N, C-alpha and C. Protein backbone atom coordinates (compact mmCIF):
# COMPACT_ATOMS: atom_id res chain seq x y z
N UNK A 1 35.91 4.73 -6.10
CA UNK A 1 34.76 5.18 -6.41
C UNK A 1 34.78 6.61 -6.40
N UNK A 2 34.43 7.60 -7.47
CA UNK A 2 34.42 8.80 -7.46
C UNK A 2 33.87 9.44 -6.35
N UNK A 3 34.18 10.57 -5.78
CA UNK A 3 33.20 11.39 -4.90
C UNK A 3 32.55 12.57 -5.50
N UNK A 4 31.29 12.70 -5.27
CA UNK A 4 30.45 13.54 -5.77
C UNK A 4 30.67 14.97 -5.06
N UNK A 5 30.94 15.95 -5.64
CA UNK A 5 31.16 17.41 -5.04
C UNK A 5 29.66 18.14 -4.93
N UNK A 6 28.56 17.37 -5.52
CA UNK A 6 27.14 18.02 -5.48
C UNK A 6 26.41 17.23 -4.48
N UNK A 7 25.97 17.96 -3.21
CA UNK A 7 25.24 16.99 -2.26
C UNK A 7 23.81 16.56 -2.81
N UNK A 8 23.54 15.50 -2.46
CA UNK A 8 22.45 14.91 -3.07
C UNK A 8 21.17 15.29 -1.83
N UNK A 9 19.95 15.27 -2.21
CA UNK A 9 18.60 15.72 -1.50
C UNK A 9 18.43 14.37 -0.74
N UNK A 10 19.13 14.06 0.24
CA UNK A 10 18.81 13.06 1.31
C UNK A 10 17.32 12.93 1.86
N UNK A 11 16.61 14.31 1.73
CA UNK A 11 15.34 14.55 2.30
C UNK A 11 14.33 13.59 1.75
N UNK A 12 14.48 13.25 0.24
CA UNK A 12 13.67 12.22 -0.26
C UNK A 12 13.62 11.04 0.55
N UNK A 13 14.51 10.61 1.09
CA UNK A 13 14.79 9.16 1.66
C UNK A 13 13.98 9.30 2.80
N UNK A 14 14.09 10.34 3.63
CA UNK A 14 13.37 10.56 4.97
C UNK A 14 11.78 10.63 4.77
N UNK A 15 11.43 11.18 3.82
CA UNK A 15 10.09 11.37 3.32
C UNK A 15 9.55 10.04 2.85
N UNK A 16 10.17 9.31 1.96
CA UNK A 16 9.87 7.79 1.75
C UNK A 16 9.67 6.97 3.06
N UNK A 17 10.38 7.21 4.19
CA UNK A 17 10.29 6.43 5.37
C UNK A 17 8.95 6.85 5.80
N UNK A 18 8.65 8.24 5.88
CA UNK A 18 7.53 8.53 6.54
C UNK A 18 6.26 8.24 5.87
N UNK A 19 6.31 8.11 4.37
CA UNK A 19 5.37 7.72 3.62
C UNK A 19 5.16 6.27 3.89
N UNK A 20 6.21 5.40 4.20
CA UNK A 20 5.73 3.97 4.52
C UNK A 20 5.28 3.64 5.60
N UNK A 21 5.70 4.69 6.76
CA UNK A 21 4.98 4.52 8.16
C UNK A 21 3.54 4.68 7.93
N UNK A 22 3.24 5.83 7.17
CA UNK A 22 1.84 6.08 7.08
C UNK A 22 0.90 5.26 6.34
N UNK A 23 1.55 4.41 5.39
CA UNK A 23 1.10 3.50 4.54
C UNK A 23 0.53 2.34 5.61
N UNK A 24 1.70 1.92 6.16
CA UNK A 24 1.54 0.75 7.19
C UNK A 24 0.53 1.05 8.12
N UNK A 25 0.37 2.34 8.71
CA UNK A 25 -0.84 2.56 9.78
C UNK A 25 -2.22 2.43 9.04
N UNK A 26 -2.22 3.24 7.79
CA UNK A 26 -3.41 2.96 7.00
C UNK A 26 -3.87 1.41 6.91
N UNK A 27 -3.08 0.60 6.47
CA UNK A 27 -3.35 -0.86 6.09
C UNK A 27 -3.73 -1.21 7.41
N UNK A 28 -2.95 -1.17 8.50
CA UNK A 28 -3.21 -1.90 9.69
C UNK A 28 -4.68 -1.33 10.34
N UNK A 29 -5.01 0.05 10.13
CA UNK A 29 -6.38 0.40 10.47
C UNK A 29 -7.47 -0.31 9.84
N UNK A 30 -7.10 -0.59 8.47
CA UNK A 30 -8.23 -1.45 7.59
C UNK A 30 -8.45 -2.68 8.08
N UNK A 31 -7.21 -3.33 8.42
CA UNK A 31 -7.18 -4.61 9.13
C UNK A 31 -7.87 -4.87 10.44
N UNK A 32 -7.80 -3.74 11.25
CA UNK A 32 -8.43 -3.67 12.59
C UNK A 32 -9.87 -3.48 12.32
N UNK A 33 -10.29 -2.52 11.44
CA UNK A 33 -11.71 -2.43 11.07
C UNK A 33 -12.50 -3.79 10.74
N UNK A 34 -11.74 -4.61 9.75
CA UNK A 34 -12.54 -5.84 9.28
C UNK A 34 -12.44 -6.75 10.42
N UNK A 35 -11.50 -6.53 11.09
CA UNK A 35 -11.40 -7.74 12.26
C UNK A 35 -12.34 -7.54 13.41
N UNK A 36 -12.44 -6.32 13.55
CA UNK A 36 -13.42 -5.78 14.78
C UNK A 36 -14.85 -5.49 14.28
N UNK A 37 -14.92 -4.72 13.26
CA UNK A 37 -16.13 -4.23 12.73
C UNK A 37 -16.78 -3.56 13.67
N UNK A 38 -16.46 -2.55 14.27
CA UNK A 38 -17.15 -1.61 15.49
C UNK A 38 -16.63 -0.18 15.07
N UNK A 39 -17.27 0.78 15.76
CA UNK A 39 -16.67 2.00 15.65
C UNK A 39 -16.25 2.64 14.24
N UNK A 40 -17.15 1.97 13.38
CA UNK A 40 -17.04 1.91 11.85
C UNK A 40 -16.75 3.71 11.38
N UNK A 41 -17.28 4.69 11.77
CA UNK A 41 -17.27 6.02 11.56
C UNK A 41 -15.95 6.47 11.98
N UNK A 42 -15.51 5.93 13.11
CA UNK A 42 -14.37 6.43 13.89
C UNK A 42 -13.10 5.86 13.03
N UNK A 43 -13.27 4.58 12.66
CA UNK A 43 -12.23 3.81 11.98
C UNK A 43 -11.97 4.33 10.52
N UNK A 44 -12.96 4.79 9.83
CA UNK A 44 -13.04 5.33 8.65
C UNK A 44 -12.29 6.50 8.52
N UNK A 45 -12.74 7.28 9.56
CA UNK A 45 -12.08 8.76 9.71
C UNK A 45 -10.78 8.93 10.00
N UNK A 46 -10.51 7.61 10.82
CA UNK A 46 -8.83 7.76 10.87
C UNK A 46 -8.18 7.30 9.74
N UNK A 47 -8.63 6.27 8.92
CA UNK A 47 -8.16 6.18 7.47
C UNK A 47 -8.13 7.22 6.74
N UNK A 48 -9.16 8.04 6.69
CA UNK A 48 -9.26 9.29 5.84
C UNK A 48 -8.27 10.39 6.16
N UNK A 49 -7.93 10.39 7.44
CA UNK A 49 -6.70 11.24 7.83
C UNK A 49 -5.53 10.72 7.46
N UNK A 50 -5.45 9.58 7.33
CA UNK A 50 -4.17 8.95 6.98
C UNK A 50 -3.82 9.33 5.49
N UNK A 51 -5.16 8.74 4.81
CA UNK A 51 -4.90 9.22 3.21
C UNK A 51 -4.52 10.62 3.13
N UNK A 52 -5.02 11.52 3.83
CA UNK A 52 -4.88 13.10 3.36
C UNK A 52 -3.47 13.37 3.75
N UNK A 53 -2.92 12.74 4.67
CA UNK A 53 -1.40 12.96 5.24
C UNK A 53 -0.52 12.30 4.06
N UNK A 54 -1.01 11.25 3.71
CA UNK A 54 -0.20 10.69 2.65
C UNK A 54 -0.16 11.55 1.36
N UNK A 55 -1.16 12.35 1.03
CA UNK A 55 -1.05 13.17 -0.14
C UNK A 55 -0.43 14.37 0.21
N UNK A 56 -0.09 14.86 1.53
CA UNK A 56 0.72 15.89 1.84
C UNK A 56 2.27 15.45 1.79
N UNK A 57 2.39 14.09 2.15
CA UNK A 57 3.87 13.72 1.99
C UNK A 57 4.05 13.61 0.77
N UNK A 58 3.24 13.17 -0.48
CA UNK A 58 3.52 13.00 -1.72
C UNK A 58 3.79 14.21 -2.47
N UNK A 59 2.99 15.21 -2.10
CA UNK A 59 3.22 16.75 -2.56
C UNK A 59 4.47 17.22 -2.25
N UNK A 60 5.04 16.98 -1.05
CA UNK A 60 6.11 17.44 -0.68
C UNK A 60 7.34 16.72 -1.44
N UNK A 61 7.36 15.35 -1.74
CA UNK A 61 8.14 14.58 -2.29
C UNK A 61 8.29 15.09 -3.98
N UNK A 62 7.11 15.67 -4.32
CA UNK A 62 6.94 15.86 -5.76
C UNK A 62 7.53 17.37 -5.83
N UNK A 63 7.41 18.19 -4.72
CA UNK A 63 8.02 19.57 -4.90
C UNK A 63 9.41 19.62 -4.72
N UNK A 64 9.92 18.61 -3.91
CA UNK A 64 11.31 18.58 -3.53
C UNK A 64 11.91 17.90 -4.99
N UNK A 65 11.43 16.93 -5.62
CA UNK A 65 11.82 16.30 -6.83
C UNK A 65 11.95 17.37 -8.03
N UNK A 66 10.84 18.37 -7.99
CA UNK A 66 10.91 19.37 -9.00
C UNK A 66 12.08 20.27 -8.67
N UNK A 67 12.59 20.79 -7.43
CA UNK A 67 13.44 21.75 -6.93
C UNK A 67 14.72 21.00 -6.78
N UNK A 68 14.98 19.84 -6.94
CA UNK A 68 16.20 19.27 -6.58
C UNK A 68 17.19 19.32 -7.99
N UNK A 69 18.36 19.80 -7.87
CA UNK A 69 19.41 19.89 -8.99
C UNK A 69 19.89 18.30 -9.07
N UNK A 70 19.99 17.67 -8.00
CA UNK A 70 20.41 16.05 -8.19
C UNK A 70 19.61 15.39 -7.10
N UNK A 71 19.08 14.50 -7.82
CA UNK A 71 18.22 13.66 -6.82
C UNK A 71 18.73 12.37 -6.52
N UNK A 72 18.56 11.62 -5.20
CA UNK A 72 19.29 10.53 -4.78
C UNK A 72 19.13 9.44 -5.68
N UNK A 73 18.00 9.24 -6.44
CA UNK A 73 17.50 8.22 -7.50
C UNK A 73 17.10 8.97 -8.75
N UNK A 74 16.94 8.14 -9.84
CA UNK A 74 16.29 8.59 -11.11
C UNK A 74 15.16 9.22 -10.73
N UNK A 75 14.64 10.39 -11.41
CA UNK A 75 13.52 11.00 -11.19
C UNK A 75 12.24 10.19 -11.56
N UNK A 76 12.40 9.46 -12.53
CA UNK A 76 11.23 8.66 -12.74
C UNK A 76 10.83 7.59 -12.04
N UNK A 77 12.00 7.20 -11.21
CA UNK A 77 11.78 6.28 -10.36
C UNK A 77 11.29 6.54 -9.13
N UNK A 78 11.55 8.00 -8.53
CA UNK A 78 11.14 8.34 -7.38
C UNK A 78 9.60 8.61 -7.67
N UNK A 79 9.32 9.09 -8.90
CA UNK A 79 7.97 9.51 -9.24
C UNK A 79 7.10 8.24 -9.10
N UNK A 80 7.63 7.37 -9.81
CA UNK A 80 6.88 6.06 -9.73
C UNK A 80 6.60 5.48 -8.34
N UNK A 81 7.57 5.53 -7.33
CA UNK A 81 7.29 4.95 -6.29
C UNK A 81 6.40 5.89 -5.48
N UNK A 82 6.47 7.08 -5.53
CA UNK A 82 5.44 7.90 -5.01
C UNK A 82 4.00 7.46 -5.28
N UNK A 83 3.80 7.37 -6.55
CA UNK A 83 2.62 7.05 -7.24
C UNK A 83 1.89 5.78 -6.60
N UNK A 84 2.89 4.87 -6.73
CA UNK A 84 2.22 3.58 -6.18
C UNK A 84 1.92 3.47 -4.51
N UNK A 85 2.87 4.21 -3.95
CA UNK A 85 2.47 4.11 -2.30
C UNK A 85 1.29 4.96 -2.08
N UNK A 86 1.07 5.93 -3.01
CA UNK A 86 -0.19 6.62 -2.91
C UNK A 86 -1.59 5.65 -3.22
N UNK A 87 -1.16 5.13 -4.13
CA UNK A 87 -2.22 4.05 -4.83
C UNK A 87 -2.80 3.17 -3.48
N UNK A 88 -1.77 2.72 -2.84
CA UNK A 88 -1.93 1.65 -1.78
C UNK A 88 -2.97 2.33 -0.49
N UNK A 89 -2.55 3.52 -0.40
CA UNK A 89 -3.42 4.05 0.43
C UNK A 89 -4.84 4.51 -0.03
N UNK A 90 -4.83 4.95 -1.10
CA UNK A 90 -6.32 5.44 -2.02
C UNK A 90 -7.05 4.19 -1.93
N UNK A 91 -6.55 2.97 -2.26
CA UNK A 91 -7.44 1.82 -2.23
C UNK A 91 -7.75 1.38 -0.81
N UNK A 92 -6.90 1.53 0.25
CA UNK A 92 -7.12 1.24 1.43
C UNK A 92 -8.57 2.10 2.00
N UNK A 93 -8.54 3.32 1.72
CA UNK A 93 -9.58 4.30 1.85
C UNK A 93 -10.82 3.83 0.96
N UNK A 94 -10.71 3.38 0.00
CA UNK A 94 -11.76 2.77 -1.04
C UNK A 94 -12.38 1.79 -0.26
N UNK A 95 -11.66 0.85 0.32
CA UNK A 95 -12.20 -0.41 0.76
C UNK A 95 -13.10 0.11 1.90
N UNK A 96 -12.50 0.58 2.78
CA UNK A 96 -12.97 0.99 4.15
C UNK A 96 -14.40 1.97 3.79
N UNK A 97 -14.42 2.69 2.85
CA UNK A 97 -15.48 3.45 2.51
C UNK A 97 -16.68 2.60 1.84
N UNK A 98 -16.23 1.75 1.10
CA UNK A 98 -17.35 0.81 0.38
C UNK A 98 -17.97 -0.20 1.53
N UNK A 99 -17.21 -0.44 2.37
CA UNK A 99 -17.97 -1.24 3.50
C UNK A 99 -19.08 -0.62 3.90
N UNK A 100 -19.16 0.84 4.05
CA UNK A 100 -20.05 1.45 4.81
C UNK A 100 -21.35 1.79 3.41
N UNK A 101 -20.63 2.34 2.39
CA UNK A 101 -21.60 2.67 1.30
C UNK A 101 -22.53 1.49 0.94
N UNK A 102 -21.81 0.40 0.90
CA UNK A 102 -22.55 -0.92 0.67
C UNK A 102 -23.35 -1.48 1.83
N UNK A 103 -23.32 -0.91 2.96
CA UNK A 103 -24.12 -1.34 4.09
C UNK A 103 -23.69 -2.68 4.55
N UNK A 104 -22.42 -3.38 4.40
CA UNK A 104 -21.94 -4.40 4.71
C UNK A 104 -22.25 -4.83 6.15
N UNK A 105 -23.06 -5.85 6.31
CA UNK A 105 -23.21 -6.27 7.78
C UNK A 105 -22.09 -7.08 8.56
N UNK A 106 -21.24 -7.78 7.75
CA UNK A 106 -20.33 -8.40 8.39
C UNK A 106 -19.29 -8.92 7.38
N UNK A 107 -17.89 -8.69 7.53
CA UNK A 107 -16.89 -9.16 6.70
C UNK A 107 -16.79 -10.67 6.43
N UNK A 108 -16.42 -10.99 5.11
CA UNK A 108 -16.30 -12.38 5.00
C UNK A 108 -14.80 -12.85 5.43
N UNK A 109 -14.83 -14.05 5.60
CA UNK A 109 -13.53 -14.65 6.12
C UNK A 109 -12.21 -14.10 5.13
N UNK A 110 -12.68 -14.18 3.72
CA UNK A 110 -11.68 -13.92 2.53
C UNK A 110 -11.37 -12.38 2.83
N UNK A 111 -12.45 -11.58 3.04
CA UNK A 111 -12.09 -10.13 3.24
C UNK A 111 -11.08 -9.94 4.39
N UNK A 112 -11.31 -10.49 5.53
CA UNK A 112 -10.39 -10.47 6.64
C UNK A 112 -8.98 -11.04 6.29
N UNK A 113 -8.97 -12.01 5.46
CA UNK A 113 -7.46 -12.48 5.11
C UNK A 113 -6.85 -11.54 4.14
N UNK A 114 -7.40 -11.05 3.07
CA UNK A 114 -6.91 -10.12 2.15
C UNK A 114 -6.38 -8.80 2.82
N UNK A 115 -7.30 -8.16 4.02
CA UNK A 115 -6.75 -6.96 4.67
C UNK A 115 -5.64 -7.57 5.62
N UNK A 116 -5.65 -8.70 6.16
CA UNK A 116 -4.37 -9.10 6.82
C UNK A 116 -3.22 -8.99 6.07
N UNK A 117 -3.44 -9.59 4.89
CA UNK A 117 -2.20 -9.49 3.78
C UNK A 117 -1.64 -8.24 3.37
N UNK A 118 -2.72 -7.55 3.39
CA UNK A 118 -2.31 -5.89 2.87
C UNK A 118 -1.61 -5.37 4.21
N UNK A 119 -2.13 -5.54 5.35
CA UNK A 119 -1.38 -4.97 6.54
C UNK A 119 0.02 -5.60 6.65
N UNK A 120 0.22 -6.93 6.34
CA UNK A 120 1.66 -7.40 6.35
C UNK A 120 2.59 -6.79 5.23
N UNK A 121 1.89 -6.70 4.09
CA UNK A 121 2.54 -5.89 3.15
C UNK A 121 2.93 -4.55 3.36
N UNK A 122 2.07 -3.89 4.18
CA UNK A 122 2.59 -2.52 4.76
C UNK A 122 3.66 -2.50 5.58
N UNK A 123 3.71 -3.42 6.51
CA UNK A 123 4.68 -3.53 7.54
C UNK A 123 6.18 -3.77 6.79
N UNK A 124 6.14 -4.63 5.90
CA UNK A 124 7.34 -4.70 5.15
C UNK A 124 7.51 -3.81 3.97
N UNK A 125 6.60 -3.15 3.83
CA UNK A 125 7.00 -1.81 2.80
C UNK A 125 7.78 -0.65 3.86
N UNK A 126 7.38 -0.61 4.89
CA UNK A 126 7.63 0.40 5.83
C UNK A 126 9.07 0.13 6.12
N UNK A 127 9.34 -1.12 6.50
CA UNK A 127 10.69 -1.60 6.58
C UNK A 127 11.79 -1.37 5.54
N UNK A 128 11.25 -1.72 4.26
CA UNK A 128 12.05 -1.15 3.21
C UNK A 128 12.44 0.17 3.00
N UNK A 129 11.52 1.13 3.34
CA UNK A 129 11.68 2.51 3.01
C UNK A 129 12.39 2.89 4.11
N UNK A 130 12.59 2.52 5.30
CA UNK A 130 13.10 2.72 6.36
C UNK A 130 14.65 2.64 6.18
N UNK A 131 14.92 1.55 5.31
CA UNK A 131 16.42 1.09 5.17
C UNK A 131 16.81 1.66 3.74
N UNK A 132 16.12 2.47 3.01
CA UNK A 132 16.56 2.70 1.70
C UNK A 132 17.73 3.43 1.40
N UNK A 133 17.94 4.36 2.60
CA UNK A 133 19.22 5.11 2.78
C UNK A 133 20.58 4.51 2.56
N UNK A 134 20.42 3.13 3.15
CA UNK A 134 21.69 2.50 3.26
C UNK A 134 21.54 1.39 2.31
N UNK A 135 20.50 0.88 1.68
CA UNK A 135 20.42 -0.11 0.67
C UNK A 135 20.88 -1.43 1.01
N UNK A 136 20.53 -1.67 2.20
CA UNK A 136 21.08 -3.06 2.93
C UNK A 136 20.01 -3.66 3.46
N UNK A 137 19.92 -4.99 3.48
CA UNK A 137 19.05 -5.83 4.10
C UNK A 137 17.39 -5.73 3.57
N UNK A 138 17.49 -5.49 2.38
CA UNK A 138 16.08 -5.23 1.75
C UNK A 138 15.38 -6.62 1.19
N UNK A 139 16.13 -7.40 0.76
CA UNK A 139 15.76 -8.58 -0.08
C UNK A 139 14.65 -9.22 0.69
N UNK A 140 14.91 -9.69 2.10
CA UNK A 140 13.92 -10.39 2.72
C UNK A 140 12.57 -9.65 2.84
N UNK A 141 12.50 -8.52 2.95
CA UNK A 141 11.29 -7.72 3.06
C UNK A 141 10.62 -7.77 1.53
N UNK A 142 11.43 -7.47 0.62
CA UNK A 142 10.81 -7.23 -1.06
C UNK A 142 10.14 -8.73 -1.37
N UNK A 143 10.99 -9.84 -0.92
CA UNK A 143 10.45 -11.01 -1.09
C UNK A 143 9.22 -11.61 -0.44
N UNK A 144 9.16 -11.05 0.72
CA UNK A 144 7.89 -11.48 1.45
C UNK A 144 6.65 -10.61 0.84
N UNK A 145 6.88 -9.32 0.44
CA UNK A 145 5.80 -8.67 -0.39
C UNK A 145 5.31 -9.39 -1.50
N UNK A 146 6.10 -9.97 -2.30
CA UNK A 146 6.03 -10.87 -3.34
C UNK A 146 5.11 -11.94 -3.16
N UNK A 147 5.58 -12.77 -1.88
CA UNK A 147 4.86 -13.82 -1.59
C UNK A 147 3.46 -13.62 -1.10
N UNK A 148 3.28 -12.58 -0.26
CA UNK A 148 2.16 -12.24 0.18
C UNK A 148 1.10 -11.95 -1.05
N UNK A 149 1.62 -11.22 -2.09
CA UNK A 149 0.86 -11.05 -3.35
C UNK A 149 0.31 -12.36 -4.02
N UNK A 150 1.09 -13.32 -4.13
CA UNK A 150 0.76 -14.43 -4.64
C UNK A 150 -0.27 -15.26 -3.83
N UNK A 151 -0.07 -15.19 -2.41
CA UNK A 151 -1.21 -15.78 -1.66
C UNK A 151 -2.45 -15.04 -1.54
N UNK A 152 -2.41 -13.82 -1.83
CA UNK A 152 -3.68 -12.94 -2.16
C UNK A 152 -4.37 -13.47 -3.44
N UNK A 153 -3.74 -13.78 -4.43
CA UNK A 153 -4.29 -14.24 -5.62
C UNK A 153 -5.17 -15.26 -5.34
N UNK A 154 -4.64 -16.36 -4.61
CA UNK A 154 -5.32 -17.51 -4.49
C UNK A 154 -6.64 -17.37 -3.58
N UNK A 155 -6.38 -16.27 -2.63
CA UNK A 155 -7.47 -15.92 -1.72
C UNK A 155 -8.54 -15.22 -2.44
N UNK A 156 -8.41 -14.56 -3.21
CA UNK A 156 -9.04 -13.66 -4.13
C UNK A 156 -9.85 -14.73 -5.00
N UNK A 157 -9.20 -15.67 -5.64
CA UNK A 157 -9.89 -16.59 -6.78
C UNK A 157 -10.84 -17.48 -6.07
N UNK A 158 -10.62 -17.88 -4.72
CA UNK A 158 -11.46 -18.58 -3.85
C UNK A 158 -12.82 -17.80 -3.43
N UNK A 159 -12.50 -16.44 -3.20
CA UNK A 159 -13.59 -15.74 -2.72
C UNK A 159 -14.54 -15.35 -3.77
N UNK A 160 -14.15 -15.02 -4.92
CA UNK A 160 -14.96 -14.68 -6.12
C UNK A 160 -15.79 -16.03 -6.65
N UNK A 161 -14.79 -17.15 -6.53
CA UNK A 161 -15.71 -18.39 -6.96
C UNK A 161 -16.65 -18.82 -5.86
N UNK A 162 -16.36 -18.38 -4.86
CA UNK A 162 -17.38 -18.82 -3.75
C UNK A 162 -18.78 -17.89 -3.59
N UNK A 163 -18.56 -16.74 -4.15
CA UNK A 163 -19.71 -15.89 -4.29
C UNK A 163 -20.73 -16.24 -5.44
N UNK A 164 -20.08 -16.98 -6.57
CA UNK A 164 -21.10 -17.37 -7.58
C UNK A 164 -21.58 -18.78 -7.23
N UNK A 165 -20.73 -19.66 -6.46
CA UNK A 165 -21.22 -20.94 -6.23
C UNK A 165 -22.32 -20.98 -5.18
N UNK A 166 -22.32 -20.12 -4.42
CA UNK A 166 -23.21 -20.13 -3.03
C UNK A 166 -24.53 -19.56 -3.17
N UNK A 167 -24.89 -19.11 -4.71
CA UNK A 167 -25.96 -18.49 -4.77
C UNK A 167 -26.46 -17.45 -4.00
N UNK A 168 -25.57 -16.52 -3.91
CA UNK A 168 -25.66 -15.16 -3.02
C UNK A 168 -26.75 -14.36 -3.81
N UNK A 169 -27.50 -13.45 -3.22
CA UNK A 169 -28.30 -12.41 -3.77
C UNK A 169 -27.40 -11.63 -4.78
N UNK A 170 -27.96 -11.25 -5.70
CA UNK A 170 -26.85 -10.60 -6.85
C UNK A 170 -26.44 -9.52 -6.29
N UNK A 171 -27.01 -8.62 -5.51
CA UNK A 171 -26.41 -7.46 -5.01
C UNK A 171 -25.16 -7.72 -4.08
N UNK A 172 -25.44 -8.68 -3.27
CA UNK A 172 -24.25 -9.02 -2.66
C UNK A 172 -23.06 -9.59 -3.36
N UNK A 173 -23.36 -10.08 -4.59
CA UNK A 173 -22.21 -10.60 -5.34
C UNK A 173 -21.63 -9.11 -5.90
N UNK A 174 -22.27 -8.22 -6.54
CA UNK A 174 -21.84 -6.99 -6.84
C UNK A 174 -20.99 -6.46 -5.88
N UNK A 175 -21.58 -6.14 -4.71
CA UNK A 175 -20.80 -5.47 -3.63
C UNK A 175 -19.56 -6.17 -3.17
N UNK A 176 -19.57 -7.48 -3.03
CA UNK A 176 -18.36 -8.11 -2.65
C UNK A 176 -17.26 -8.37 -3.70
N UNK A 177 -17.81 -8.28 -4.87
CA UNK A 177 -16.82 -8.65 -6.05
C UNK A 177 -15.96 -7.03 -6.13
N UNK A 178 -16.60 -5.98 -5.96
CA UNK A 178 -16.07 -4.81 -5.84
C UNK A 178 -15.03 -4.36 -4.67
N UNK A 179 -15.46 -4.96 -3.77
CA UNK A 179 -14.67 -4.89 -2.55
C UNK A 179 -13.34 -5.68 -2.64
N UNK A 180 -13.65 -7.03 -3.19
CA UNK A 180 -12.34 -7.99 -3.47
C UNK A 180 -11.52 -7.18 -4.41
N UNK A 181 -12.12 -6.78 -5.51
CA UNK A 181 -11.11 -6.04 -6.41
C UNK A 181 -10.47 -4.78 -5.81
N UNK A 182 -10.92 -4.06 -5.21
CA UNK A 182 -10.30 -2.99 -4.24
C UNK A 182 -9.06 -3.51 -3.52
N UNK A 183 -9.38 -4.59 -2.76
CA UNK A 183 -8.45 -5.09 -1.91
C UNK A 183 -7.25 -5.76 -2.88
N UNK A 184 -7.73 -6.25 -4.01
CA UNK A 184 -6.77 -6.78 -4.85
C UNK A 184 -5.74 -5.78 -5.48
N UNK A 185 -6.50 -4.65 -5.54
CA UNK A 185 -5.70 -3.46 -6.35
C UNK A 185 -4.82 -3.02 -5.29
N UNK A 186 -5.27 -2.83 -4.10
CA UNK A 186 -4.12 -2.40 -2.89
C UNK A 186 -3.10 -3.21 -2.76
N UNK A 187 -3.15 -4.58 -2.93
CA UNK A 187 -2.02 -5.61 -2.71
C UNK A 187 -1.31 -5.53 -3.91
N UNK A 188 -1.80 -5.44 -5.19
CA UNK A 188 -1.00 -5.42 -6.35
C UNK A 188 -0.32 -3.86 -6.57
N UNK A 189 -0.66 -3.02 -5.85
CA UNK A 189 0.08 -1.62 -5.79
C UNK A 189 1.12 -1.68 -4.90
N UNK A 190 1.05 -2.53 -3.76
CA UNK A 190 2.04 -2.71 -2.83
C UNK A 190 3.35 -3.48 -3.56
N UNK A 191 2.71 -4.49 -4.23
CA UNK A 191 3.74 -5.11 -4.85
C UNK A 191 4.47 -4.34 -6.11
N UNK A 192 3.90 -3.32 -6.49
CA UNK A 192 4.27 -2.57 -7.53
C UNK A 192 5.41 -1.65 -6.93
N UNK A 193 5.04 -1.13 -5.77
CA UNK A 193 5.70 -0.41 -4.95
C UNK A 193 7.15 -1.10 -4.58
N UNK A 194 7.23 -2.43 -4.25
CA UNK A 194 8.29 -3.17 -4.10
C UNK A 194 9.12 -3.14 -5.37
N UNK A 195 8.45 -3.49 -6.51
CA UNK A 195 9.20 -3.50 -7.86
C UNK A 195 9.84 -1.99 -8.12
N UNK A 196 9.21 -1.09 -7.77
CA UNK A 196 9.89 0.29 -8.00
C UNK A 196 11.12 0.43 -7.05
N UNK A 197 10.91 -0.03 -5.78
CA UNK A 197 12.18 0.19 -4.97
C UNK A 197 13.24 -0.93 -5.68
N UNK A 198 12.89 -2.07 -6.10
CA UNK A 198 13.83 -3.00 -6.71
C UNK A 198 14.54 -2.45 -7.95
N UNK A 199 13.78 -1.81 -8.78
CA UNK A 199 14.50 -0.92 -9.84
C UNK A 199 15.36 0.31 -9.35
N UNK A 200 15.03 1.05 -8.39
CA UNK A 200 15.97 1.87 -7.91
C UNK A 200 17.11 1.30 -7.34
N UNK A 201 17.13 0.28 -6.43
CA UNK A 201 18.42 -0.32 -6.04
C UNK A 201 19.17 -0.96 -7.20
N UNK A 202 18.62 -1.38 -8.11
CA UNK A 202 19.50 -2.00 -8.99
C UNK A 202 20.18 -1.22 -9.74
N UNK A 203 19.62 0.06 -10.04
CA UNK A 203 20.48 1.09 -10.98
C UNK A 203 21.35 1.57 -9.97
N UNK A 204 21.52 1.54 -8.78
CA UNK A 204 22.60 2.19 -7.73
C UNK A 204 23.78 1.02 -7.50
N UNK A 205 23.46 -0.07 -7.60
CA UNK A 205 24.43 -1.23 -7.47
C UNK A 205 25.32 -1.56 -8.64
């Protein structure tokens, strides 16, 4: 294997690990919010702080990408992964804020399950990003993220079907359909981030 005389900026990988931890923390906060449904303002504020921190991490990754002569992965792949991780945290914040804006009195069982799935994905993504420097033992985490997304599809279909079958108030249907969509978007973005990692690793092996 040829030895490169140009040092690569491994700081990207450190920043991705920090971004993964931040994402996992935000998703866990949302899960705790819907499980407990108390201290709503405090819990939303915690999620908002994590979202702002995520933006700061993203800005640093993008700046380093702009400044780096040689990046550790393809630039478009680094950018794609950064965007997808940011999407997850943005959707987490959107779900939390929607529960307040829509004056939701209590979460549904499906909402709790979807938030739990998202938190589990966050844990797996954080594990993947922490191991990205060595690119070893990633497959089990990535497969789990995909499996969780498939589970979420079934939960979401059931949730939306139940909204229309059980003759809910039309306003409740509108509220919950939007919240379910935001949760689905967050879960899909987590899977998109996993796929971005898979492309990055595939190009390096």
